[in-house]
């Protein structure tokens, strides 16, 4: 460990070699893959990925870590980008697209990264991210449960998310205060809404879940929704009882 983690960038470095190998097995890499790694840190996972794939780019926000990565002989041939991933346009990557994305991401930007993936859906095939366990449960929440909410619905309109395995705090330096989960993200072959419907969908979903315990007839009273839709969905229901498809019918 040569680098002091910086709290402002949510840095927690993976140090367990068994976990690193488990991640590699889960991702199931091949020479036909082109990979973008988000937040490579000191390059421990990067070194394992590079020999297994056709192309590799990494993006790191910390200038000291970028300098360290560029000094490593073990990752010569890897494209190292200094910057904020949320400003990165995947089409500009110097490797073939679509890419697989791998990331031990700062937990405070999990939602922005998911919407960043949705916006650039044509440029990636799969994504594997380390996220807070609680967020993983929300992303995969089932209708009618406490975990099911606004984030579940917004991401589920475009993405399929699978929990691969949980990770304890002990495998990180410094140790986070929460458990983590490694998730796999794929794109829905047929998204539930179109790109053009996204803005209105977001407004309706936000309004519904802002008053989670209220019936739809109260939380969505300010929206013009046809009587036909109201008869079909029954507006005496609460938002957590609606499927994502039913939310899409409210647009």
Protein backbone atom coordinates (compact mmCIF):
# COMPACT_ATOMS: atom_id res chain seq x y z
CA UNK A 1 0.00 0.00 0.00
CA UNK A 2 1.79 3.14 -1.18
CA UNK A 3 -1.06 5.63 -1.24
CA UNK A 4 -3.06 7.36 1.50
CA UNK A 5 -6.78 7.09 0.73
CA UNK A 6 -8.55 10.40 0.25
CA UNK A 7 -11.98 10.73 1.80
CA UNK A 8 -13.13 13.37 -0.72
CA UNK A 9 -12.93 10.76 -3.50
CA UNK A 10 -14.39 7.94 -1.42
CA UNK A 11 -11.25 5.84 -1.78
CA UNK A 12 -11.24 2.34 -0.30
CA UNK A 13 -8.62 0.03 -1.80
CA UNK A 14 -9.13 -3.72 -2.23
CA UNK A 15 -6.29 -5.68 -0.65
CA UNK A 16 -7.51 -9.28 -0.47
CA UNK A 17 -5.92 -11.43 -3.24
CA UNK A 18 -8.63 -14.11 -2.97
CA UNK A 19 -11.34 -11.52 -3.54
CA UNK A 20 -9.47 -10.09 -6.51
CA UNK A 21 -9.34 -13.55 -8.08
CA UNK A 22 -13.06 -14.06 -7.34
CA UNK A 23 -13.81 -10.80 -9.18
CA UNK A 24 -11.75 -11.96 -12.17
CA UNK A 25 -13.62 -15.29 -12.28
CA UNK A 26 -17.00 -13.55 -12.02
CA UNK A 27 -16.25 -11.15 -14.87
CA UNK A 28 -15.19 -14.10 -17.06
CA UNK A 29 -12.73 -12.22 -19.28
CA UNK A 30 -11.56 -13.18 -22.76
CA UNK A 31 -9.23 -11.79 -25.41
CA UNK A 32 -12.26 -10.48 -27.31
CA UNK A 33 -13.14 -8.19 -24.40
CA UNK A 34 -12.34 -4.49 -24.20
CA UNK A 35 -12.49 -3.20 -20.65
CA UNK A 36 -12.91 0.15 -18.94
CA UNK A 37 -11.90 0.04 -15.29
CA UNK A 38 -13.25 2.86 -13.12
CA UNK A 39 -11.09 3.83 -10.15
CA UNK A 40 -8.15 1.43 -10.58
CA UNK A 41 -6.39 2.77 -7.47
CA UNK A 42 -2.89 1.34 -7.30
CA UNK A 43 -3.55 -1.01 -10.22
CA UNK A 44 -3.78 -4.31 -8.35
CA UNK A 45 -6.85 -5.49 -10.29
CA UNK A 46 -5.61 -3.77 -13.45
CA UNK A 47 -2.53 -6.01 -13.48
CA UNK A 48 -4.73 -9.10 -13.39
CA UNK A 49 -7.09 -7.87 -16.12
CA UNK A 50 -4.59 -6.71 -18.73
CA UNK A 51 -3.16 -10.09 -19.86
CA UNK A 52 -6.65 -11.57 -20.23
CA UNK A 53 -8.25 -8.99 -22.57
CA UNK A 54 -7.87 -7.40 -25.98
CA UNK A 55 -7.90 -3.80 -24.78
CA UNK A 56 -7.92 -2.00 -21.46
CA UNK A 57 -8.47 1.60 -20.42
CA UNK A 58 -8.67 2.91 -16.86
CA UNK A 59 -9.95 6.22 -15.55
CA UNK A 60 -8.66 7.64 -12.27
CA UNK A 61 -9.47 11.02 -10.70
CA UNK A 62 -6.52 11.13 -8.27
CA UNK A 63 -3.44 12.69 -9.95
CA UNK A 64 -1.01 10.91 -7.59
CA UNK A 65 -2.51 7.54 -8.47
CA UNK A 66 -2.40 8.39 -12.17
CA UNK A 67 1.30 9.12 -11.80
CA UNK A 68 1.79 5.82 -9.98
CA UNK A 69 -0.13 3.85 -12.63
CA UNK A 70 1.94 5.38 -15.41
CA UNK A 71 5.09 4.19 -13.63
CA UNK A 72 4.04 0.52 -13.57
CA UNK A 73 5.82 -1.73 -16.08
CA UNK A 74 3.19 -4.41 -15.37
CA UNK A 75 0.43 -2.46 -17.15
CA UNK A 76 2.28 -1.17 -20.19
CA UNK A 77 -0.27 -1.07 -23.01
CA UNK A 78 -3.10 0.02 -20.73
CA UNK A 79 -4.62 3.40 -21.61
CA UNK A 80 -4.56 5.55 -18.47
CA UNK A 81 -7.02 8.46 -18.36
CA UNK A 82 -6.90 11.16 -15.70
CA UNK A 83 -10.38 12.47 -15.07
CA UNK A 84 -13.84 12.18 -13.55
CA UNK A 85 -15.75 9.21 -14.96
CA UNK A 86 -19.04 11.12 -14.89
CA UNK A 87 -17.62 13.45 -17.54
CA UNK A 88 -16.26 10.64 -19.70
CA UNK A 89 -17.90 9.94 -23.05
CA UNK A 90 -17.43 6.24 -23.73
CA UNK A 91 -17.35 6.79 -27.48
CA UNK A 92 -14.04 8.66 -27.04
CA UNK A 93 -12.25 5.70 -25.44
CA UNK A 94 -9.13 4.58 -27.37
CA UNK A 95 -10.30 0.93 -27.35
CA UNK A 96 -12.95 -0.92 -29.32
CA UNK A 97 -16.58 -0.59 -28.31
CA UNK A 98 -18.79 -1.85 -26.80
CA UNK A 99 -16.77 -2.17 -23.61
CA UNK A 100 -17.22 -4.13 -20.43
CA UNK A 101 -17.06 -1.82 -17.42
CA UNK A 102 -15.54 -2.76 -14.06
CA UNK A 103 -15.44 -0.45 -11.09
CA UNK A 104 -14.75 -0.18 -7.37
CA UNK A 105 -16.63 3.11 -7.36
CA UNK A 106 -17.07 5.78 -4.68
CA UNK A 107 -20.38 4.82 -3.08
CA UNK A 108 -21.60 8.42 -3.03
CA UNK A 109 -21.79 8.48 -6.84
CA UNK A 110 -23.48 5.10 -7.39
CA UNK A 111 -26.75 6.60 -8.65
CA UNK A 112 -25.05 9.11 -11.00
CA UNK A 113 -22.93 6.29 -12.46
CA UNK A 114 -26.01 4.16 -13.11
CA UNK A 115 -27.69 7.01 -14.98
CA UNK A 116 -24.39 7.68 -16.79
CA UNK A 117 -24.56 4.06 -17.98
CA UNK A 118 -28.17 4.48 -19.13
CA UNK A 119 -27.28 7.62 -21.12
CA UNK A 120 -24.42 5.82 -22.92
CA UNK A 121 -26.08 2.44 -23.32
CA UNK A 122 -24.90 1.95 -26.89
CA UNK A 123 -21.21 1.91 -25.90
CA UNK A 124 -21.10 -0.89 -23.29
CA UNK A 125 -22.24 -4.50 -23.03
CA UNK A 126 -21.95 -5.39 -19.33
CA UNK A 127 -20.92 -3.59 -16.17
CA UNK A 128 -19.63 -4.99 -12.88
CA UNK A 129 -19.60 -2.59 -9.95
CA UNK A 130 -18.81 -2.67 -6.26
CA UNK A 131 -21.63 -0.90 -4.43
CA UNK A 132 -22.92 -0.53 -0.89
CA UNK A 133 -24.91 -3.64 0.08
CA UNK A 134 -27.96 -1.57 1.03
CA UNK A 135 -27.98 0.04 -2.42
CA UNK A 136 -27.65 -3.36 -4.11
CA UNK A 137 -30.73 -4.52 -2.21
CA UNK A 138 -32.63 -1.44 -3.38
CA UNK A 139 -31.53 -1.93 -6.99
CA UNK A 140 -32.84 -5.49 -6.96
CA UNK A 141 -35.84 -4.83 -4.71
CA UNK A 142 -39.04 -6.76 -5.41
CA UNK A 143 -42.42 -5.08 -5.80
CA UNK A 144 -44.15 -4.63 -2.47
CA UNK A 145 -41.02 -4.79 -0.32
CA UNK A 146 -39.33 -2.05 1.69
CA UNK A 147 -36.29 -2.19 -0.63
CA UNK A 148 -38.41 -1.43 -3.71
CA UNK A 149 -38.43 2.27 -4.45
CA UNK A 150 -37.58 5.12 -6.75
CA UNK A 151 -34.05 3.85 -7.58
CA UNK A 152 -35.39 0.35 -8.32
CA UNK A 153 -37.96 1.69 -10.76
CA UNK A 154 -35.76 4.27 -12.50
CA UNK A 155 -32.89 1.88 -13.17
CA UNK A 156 -35.12 -1.14 -13.77
CA UNK A 157 -36.78 0.57 -16.73
CA UNK A 158 -33.52 0.16 -18.65
CA UNK A 159 -31.24 -2.24 -16.76
CA UNK A 160 -31.22 -5.73 -15.32
CA UNK A 161 -29.16 -5.96 -12.12
CA UNK A 162 -27.92 -9.11 -10.41
CA UNK A 163 -26.25 -9.41 -7.01
CA UNK A 164 -23.15 -11.59 -7.44
CA UNK A 165 -21.68 -11.75 -3.93
CA UNK A 166 -21.34 -9.73 -0.74
CA UNK A 167 -18.03 -8.34 0.54
CA UNK A 168 -17.11 -7.56 4.17
CA UNK A 169 -15.35 -4.32 5.17
CA UNK A 170 -12.14 -6.16 6.18
CA UNK A 171 -10.93 -6.60 2.59
CA UNK A 172 -10.58 -2.83 2.09
CA UNK A 173 -8.07 -0.24 3.27
CA UNK A 174 -9.34 1.87 4.90
CA UNK A 175 -12.27 -0.20 6.09
CA UNK A 176 -15.65 1.26 5.09
CA UNK A 177 -18.42 1.38 7.67
CA UNK A 178 -20.75 -0.71 5.51
CA UNK A 179 -20.86 -4.09 3.78
CA UNK A 180 -20.48 -4.11 0.01
CA UNK A 181 -21.93 -6.12 -2.87
CA UNK A 182 -20.48 -6.92 -6.28
CA UNK A 183 -23.23 -6.52 -8.90
CA UNK A 184 -23.60 -7.35 -12.57
CA UNK A 185 -25.50 -4.92 -14.82
CA UNK A 186 -26.87 -5.71 -18.27
CA UNK A 187 -29.13 -3.73 -20.56
CA UNK A 188 -32.74 -4.70 -21.13
CA UNK A 189 -33.15 -5.92 -24.69
CA UNK A 190 -36.41 -3.96 -24.82
CA UNK A 191 -36.36 -1.00 -22.39
CA UNK A 192 -39.66 -0.40 -20.62
CA UNK A 193 -39.62 3.30 -21.59
CA UNK A 194 -37.99 5.26 -24.42
CA UNK A 195 -35.28 7.88 -24.00
CA UNK A 196 -37.88 10.53 -24.86
CA UNK A 197 -40.16 9.39 -22.04
CA UNK A 198 -37.42 9.43 -19.41
CA UNK A 199 -37.94 12.96 -18.08
CA UNK A 200 -41.69 12.59 -17.51
CA UNK A 201 -41.20 9.09 -16.09
CA UNK A 202 -38.66 10.44 -13.61
CA UNK A 203 -41.01 13.22 -12.45
CA UNK A 204 -43.92 10.82 -11.90
CA UNK A 205 -41.83 8.20 -10.09
CA UNK A 206 -40.26 10.84 -7.86
CA UNK A 207 -43.68 12.31 -6.98
CA UNK A 208 -45.12 8.89 -6.19
CA UNK A 209 -42.30 7.79 -3.89
CA UNK A 210 -41.97 11.18 -2.19
CA UNK A 211 -45.20 10.24 -0.44
CA UNK A 212 -44.55 6.53 -0.19
CA UNK A 213 -47.29 5.78 2.36
CA UNK A 214 -49.98 7.70 0.49
CA UNK A 215 -52.27 6.35 -2.21
CA UNK A 216 -51.54 7.30 -5.80
CA UNK A 217 -54.71 9.40 -5.95
CA UNK A 218 -53.05 11.70 -3.41
CA UNK A 219 -49.40 11.64 -4.42
CA UNK A 220 -50.17 12.02 -8.15
CA UNK A 221 -53.16 14.35 -7.82
CA UNK A 222 -51.35 17.11 -9.74
CA UNK A 223 -50.87 15.01 -12.89
CA UNK A 224 -53.25 14.66 -15.79
CA UNK A 225 -53.70 10.91 -16.04
CA UNK A 226 -56.57 9.45 -18.04
CA UNK A 227 -59.48 7.77 -16.31
CA UNK A 228 -58.79 4.67 -18.39
CA UNK A 229 -55.33 4.34 -16.83
CA UNK A 230 -56.72 5.05 -13.34
CA UNK A 231 -59.32 2.32 -13.77
CA UNK A 232 -56.69 -0.13 -14.95
CA UNK A 233 -54.14 0.56 -12.20
CA UNK A 234 -56.46 1.51 -9.31
CA UNK A 235 -55.25 4.72 -7.71
CA UNK A 236 -56.06 3.60 -4.19
CA UNK A 237 -52.81 1.59 -4.35
CA UNK A 238 -49.51 2.75 -2.88
CA UNK A 239 -46.45 3.28 -5.11
CA UNK A 240 -44.47 0.28 -3.85
CA UNK A 241 -47.22 -2.04 -5.16
CA UNK A 242 -46.82 -0.94 -8.79
CA UNK A 243 -44.54 -2.82 -11.17
CA UNK A 244 -42.17 -0.86 -13.38
CA UNK A 245 -44.41 -1.62 -16.36
CA UNK A 246 -47.39 -0.14 -14.51
CA UNK A 247 -45.38 3.00 -13.70
CA UNK A 248 -44.62 3.33 -17.42
CA UNK A 249 -48.37 3.32 -18.16
CA UNK A 250 -48.71 6.50 -16.10
CA UNK A 251 -46.64 8.57 -18.57
